[in-house]
C-alpha cells in the first residue's frame, strides 16, 4: 500500500512560481511512475506530467512543457513539481498519483491507470 501526501499549494500572482511536493509512504518500487494531475472547477482532471521512479525519466503534457518540471528524491521518497511563469488558467487542485508500470517504455497519461492518489493541494494564481 502506498500513501501520497501533497503539500506546497497556495496563492501566487500571475507570473510567479510555486513548488509542490508529494511525500510517499510505503514501498515505492522501481517500476513505479509518479504522476501529477490537476483539476480546475467544472473541468475534468488532466494530466500534467510524470516521472519514472527508476531513472528519473520525465514526460509532460505538451502545453506545459518548459514551464513545469518534475523531479524526485529517492532517498526521501518525494516527488516535486516546480511550476514557473504561472498563469490564472493554472489555478486548480493538483494531485499526485502512482502506478506500477507493466512494461518497459510505457507511459501513463490517463488518470484511470493510476492506483494511488493523494488528497490534492490547491493552487490559485491571481491576475
C-alpha atoms as a PDB file:
ATOM      1  CA  UNK A   1       0.000   0.000   0.000  1.00  0.00           C
ATOM      2  CA  UNK A   2       1.246   3.455  -0.887  1.00  0.00           C
ATOM      3  CA  UNK A   3       0.074   6.703   0.656  1.00  0.00           C
ATOM      4  CA  UNK A   4       0.682  10.033  -1.008  1.00  0.00           C
ATOM      5  CA  UNK A   5       0.513  13.455   0.610  1.00  0.00           C
ATOM      6  CA  UNK A   6       0.847  16.665  -1.373  1.00  0.00           C
ATOM      7  CA  UNK A   7       1.977  19.985   0.021  1.00  0.00           C
ATOM      8  CA  UNK A   8       3.146  23.385  -1.163  1.00  0.00           C
ATOM      9  CA  UNK A   9      -0.017  24.774  -2.691  1.00  0.00           C
ATOM     10  CA  UNK A  10      -1.162  28.327  -2.134  1.00  0.00           C
ATOM     11  CA  UNK A  11      -1.880  31.693  -3.667  1.00  0.00           C
ATOM     12  CA  UNK A  12       0.595  33.160  -6.161  1.00  0.00           C
ATOM     13  CA  UNK A  13       0.499  36.097  -8.519  1.00  0.00           C
ATOM     14  CA  UNK A  14       0.435  35.888 -12.285  1.00  0.00           C
ATOM     15  CA  UNK A  15       3.977  35.109 -13.471  1.00  0.00           C
ATOM     16  CA  UNK A  16       5.070  33.675 -10.143  1.00  0.00           C
ATOM     17  CA  UNK A  17       6.436  30.279  -9.232  1.00  0.00           C
ATOM     18  CA  UNK A  18       5.421  27.534  -6.866  1.00  0.00           C
ATOM     19  CA  UNK A  19       6.903  24.195  -5.913  1.00  0.00           C
ATOM     20  CA  UNK A  20       4.659  21.323  -4.933  1.00  0.00           C
ATOM     21  CA  UNK A  21       5.864  18.263  -3.100  1.00  0.00           C
ATOM     22  CA  UNK A  22       4.455  14.759  -2.861  1.00  0.00           C
ATOM     23  CA  UNK A  23       5.616  12.588   0.026  1.00  0.00           C
ATOM     24  CA  UNK A  24       5.165   8.865  -0.474  1.00  0.00           C
ATOM     25  CA  UNK A  25       4.973   6.353   2.340  1.00  0.00           C
ATOM     26  CA  UNK A  26       5.103   2.621   1.818  1.00  0.00           C
ATOM     27  CA  UNK A  27       7.202   0.744  -0.669  1.00  0.00           C
ATOM     28  CA  UNK A  28       7.922   2.594  -3.901  1.00  0.00           C
ATOM     29  CA  UNK A  29       9.188   0.064  -6.398  1.00  0.00           C
ATOM     30  CA  UNK A  30      11.491   0.981  -9.242  1.00  0.00           C
ATOM     31  CA  UNK A  31       8.716   0.167 -11.699  1.00  0.00           C
ATOM     32  CA  UNK A  32       6.518   2.957 -10.391  1.00  0.00           C
ATOM     33  CA  UNK A  33       5.613   6.075 -12.315  1.00  0.00           C
ATOM     34  CA  UNK A  34       4.673   9.070 -10.204  1.00  0.00           C
ATOM     35  CA  UNK A  35       2.276  11.411 -11.924  1.00  0.00           C
ATOM     36  CA  UNK A  36       0.870  14.874 -11.368  1.00  0.00           C
ATOM     37  CA  UNK A  37      -2.662  15.779 -12.386  1.00  0.00           C
ATOM     38  CA  UNK A  38      -4.755  18.876 -11.928  1.00  0.00           C
ATOM     39  CA  UNK A  39      -8.436  19.672 -11.869  1.00  0.00           C
ATOM     40  CA  UNK A  40      -9.950  23.110 -12.223  1.00  0.00           C
ATOM     41  CA  UNK A  41     -13.527  23.798 -11.053  1.00  0.00           C
ATOM     42  CA  UNK A  42     -16.038  22.444 -13.537  1.00  0.00           C
ATOM     43  CA  UNK A  43     -13.385  20.720 -15.620  1.00  0.00           C
ATOM     44  CA  UNK A  44     -12.084  17.194 -15.957  1.00  0.00           C
ATOM     45  CA  UNK A  45      -8.894  16.112 -14.300  1.00  0.00           C
ATOM     46  CA  UNK A  46      -5.971  16.498 -16.663  1.00  0.00           C
ATOM     47  CA  UNK A  47      -2.504  15.022 -16.857  1.00  0.00           C
ATOM     48  CA  UNK A  48       0.366  17.383 -16.038  1.00  0.00           C
ATOM     49  CA  UNK A  49       3.394  15.105 -16.177  1.00  0.00           C
ATOM     50  CA  UNK A  50       5.035  12.058 -14.670  1.00  0.00           C
ATOM     51  CA  UNK A  51       8.391  10.680 -13.661  1.00  0.00           C
ATOM     52  CA  UNK A  52       9.711   7.153 -13.818  1.00  0.00           C
ATOM     53  CA  UNK A  53      10.982   6.230 -10.383  1.00  0.00           C
ATOM     54  CA  UNK A  54      13.802   4.007 -11.593  1.00  0.00           C
ATOM     55  CA  UNK A  55      15.772   6.556 -13.599  1.00  0.00           C
ATOM     56  CA  UNK A  56      14.019   9.917 -13.339  1.00  0.00           C
ATOM     57  CA  UNK A  57      12.778   9.920 -16.918  1.00  0.00           C
ATOM     58  CA  UNK A  58      10.040  12.538 -17.239  1.00  0.00           C
ATOM     59  CA  UNK A  59       7.216  13.210 -19.651  1.00  0.00           C
ATOM     60  CA  UNK A  60       4.683  16.014 -19.765  1.00  0.00           C
ATOM     61  CA  UNK A  61       1.568  17.191 -21.441  1.00  0.00           C
ATOM     62  CA  UNK A  62       2.786  19.245 -24.390  1.00  0.00           C
ATOM     63  CA  UNK A  63       1.185  22.543 -23.379  1.00  0.00           C
ATOM     64  CA  UNK A  64       3.021  22.626 -20.045  1.00  0.00           C
ATOM     65  CA  UNK A  65       6.437  21.551 -21.230  1.00  0.00           C
ATOM     66  CA  UNK A  66       9.041  24.171 -20.406  1.00  0.00           C
ATOM     67  CA  UNK A  67       7.102  25.774 -17.562  1.00  0.00           C
ATOM     68  CA  UNK A  68       6.605  22.747 -15.328  1.00  0.00           C
ATOM     69  CA  UNK A  69       9.364  20.396 -14.170  1.00  0.00           C
ATOM     70  CA  UNK A  70       9.075  17.158 -12.221  1.00  0.00           C
ATOM     71  CA  UNK A  71      11.892  15.730 -10.128  1.00  0.00           C
ATOM     72  CA  UNK A  72      12.294  13.049  -7.494  1.00  0.00           C
ATOM     73  CA  UNK A  73      14.346  12.350  -4.413  1.00  0.00           C
ATOM     74  CA  UNK A  74      14.634   8.593  -3.999  1.00  0.00           C
ATOM     75  CA  UNK A  75      16.195   8.831  -0.562  1.00  0.00           C
ATOM     76  CA  UNK A  76      13.324  10.903   0.791  1.00  0.00           C
ATOM     77  CA  UNK A  77      10.596   9.209  -1.272  1.00  0.00           C
ATOM     78  CA  UNK A  78       9.392  12.541  -2.577  1.00  0.00           C
ATOM     79  CA  UNK A  79       8.393  13.911  -5.944  1.00  0.00           C
ATOM     80  CA  UNK A  80       8.356  17.621  -6.706  1.00  0.00           C
ATOM     81  CA  UNK A  81       6.512  19.693  -9.267  1.00  0.00           C
ATOM     82  CA  UNK A  82       8.218  23.005  -9.988  1.00  0.00           C
ATOM     83  CA  UNK A  83       5.843  25.435 -11.679  1.00  0.00           C
ATOM     84  CA  UNK A  84       7.154  28.619 -13.239  1.00  0.00           C
ATOM     85  CA  UNK A  85       5.536  31.517 -15.095  1.00  0.00           C
ATOM     86  CA  UNK A  86       2.202  30.626 -13.572  1.00  0.00           C
ATOM     87  CA  UNK A  87      -0.971  31.992 -15.138  1.00  0.00           C
ATOM     88  CA  UNK A  88      -4.548  32.251 -13.858  1.00  0.00           C
ATOM     89  CA  UNK A  89      -5.636  29.244 -16.007  1.00  0.00           C
ATOM     90  CA  UNK A  90      -3.181  27.145 -13.960  1.00  0.00           C
ATOM     91  CA  UNK A  91      -5.498  27.565 -10.988  1.00  0.00           C
ATOM     92  CA  UNK A  92      -6.577  24.081  -9.932  1.00  0.00           C
ATOM     93  CA  UNK A  93      -6.311  21.373  -7.341  1.00  0.00           C
ATOM     94  CA  UNK A  94      -3.106  19.452  -8.008  1.00  0.00           C
ATOM     95  CA  UNK A  95      -2.867  15.749  -7.304  1.00  0.00           C
ATOM     96  CA  UNK A  96      -0.014  13.312  -7.022  1.00  0.00           C
ATOM     97  CA  UNK A  97      -0.598   9.734  -8.164  1.00  0.00           C
ATOM     98  CA  UNK A  98       1.319   6.487  -8.589  1.00  0.00           C
ATOM     99  CA  UNK A  99       1.126   3.484 -10.875  1.00  0.00           C
ATOM    100  CA  UNK A 100       3.256   0.370 -11.222  1.00  0.00           C
ATOM    101  CA  UNK A 101       4.382   0.040 -14.796  1.00  0.00           C
ATOM    102  CA  UNK A 102       3.579  -3.211 -16.538  1.00  0.00           C
ATOM    103  CA  UNK A 103       6.247  -2.935 -19.168  1.00  0.00           C
ATOM    104  CA  UNK A 104       9.353  -1.024 -20.264  1.00  0.00           C
ATOM    105  CA  UNK A 105       8.787   2.046 -22.377  1.00  0.00           C
ATOM    106  CA  UNK A 106       5.233   2.551 -21.171  1.00  0.00           C
ATOM    107  CA  UNK A 107       3.918   5.997 -20.329  1.00  0.00           C
ATOM    108  CA  UNK A 108       0.849   6.716 -18.272  1.00  0.00           C
ATOM    109  CA  UNK A 109      -1.291   9.707 -19.209  1.00  0.00           C
ATOM    110  CA  UNK A 110      -4.720   8.524 -18.156  1.00  0.00           C
ATOM    111  CA  UNK A 111      -5.913   9.061 -14.590  1.00  0.00           C
ATOM    112  CA  UNK A 112      -7.675   5.700 -14.635  1.00  0.00           C
ATOM    113  CA  UNK A 113      -4.346   3.934 -14.971  1.00  0.00           C
ATOM    114  CA  UNK A 114      -3.106   5.256 -11.627  1.00  0.00           C
ATOM    115  CA  UNK A 115      -3.678   3.179  -8.481  1.00  0.00           C
ATOM    116  CA  UNK A 116      -2.762   5.534  -5.681  1.00  0.00           C
ATOM    117  CA  UNK A 117      -3.760   9.140  -5.157  1.00  0.00           C
ATOM    118  CA  UNK A 118      -3.061  11.951  -2.756  1.00  0.00           C
ATOM    119  CA  UNK A 119      -5.738  14.254  -1.389  1.00  0.00           C
ATOM    120  CA  UNK A 120      -4.648  17.191  -3.529  1.00  0.00           C
ATOM    121  CA  UNK A 121      -3.344  20.669  -2.869  1.00  0.00           C
ATOM    122  CA  UNK A 122      -4.913  23.881  -4.141  1.00  0.00           C
ATOM    123  CA  UNK A 123      -3.012  26.293  -6.360  1.00  0.00           C
ATOM    124  CA  UNK A 124      -4.563  29.674  -7.064  1.00  0.00           C
ATOM    125  CA  UNK A 125      -2.970  32.135  -9.473  1.00  0.00           C
ATOM    126  CA  UNK A 126      -4.258  35.683  -9.194  1.00  0.00           C
ATOM    127  CA  UNK A 127      -4.210  38.160 -12.077  1.00  0.00           C
END
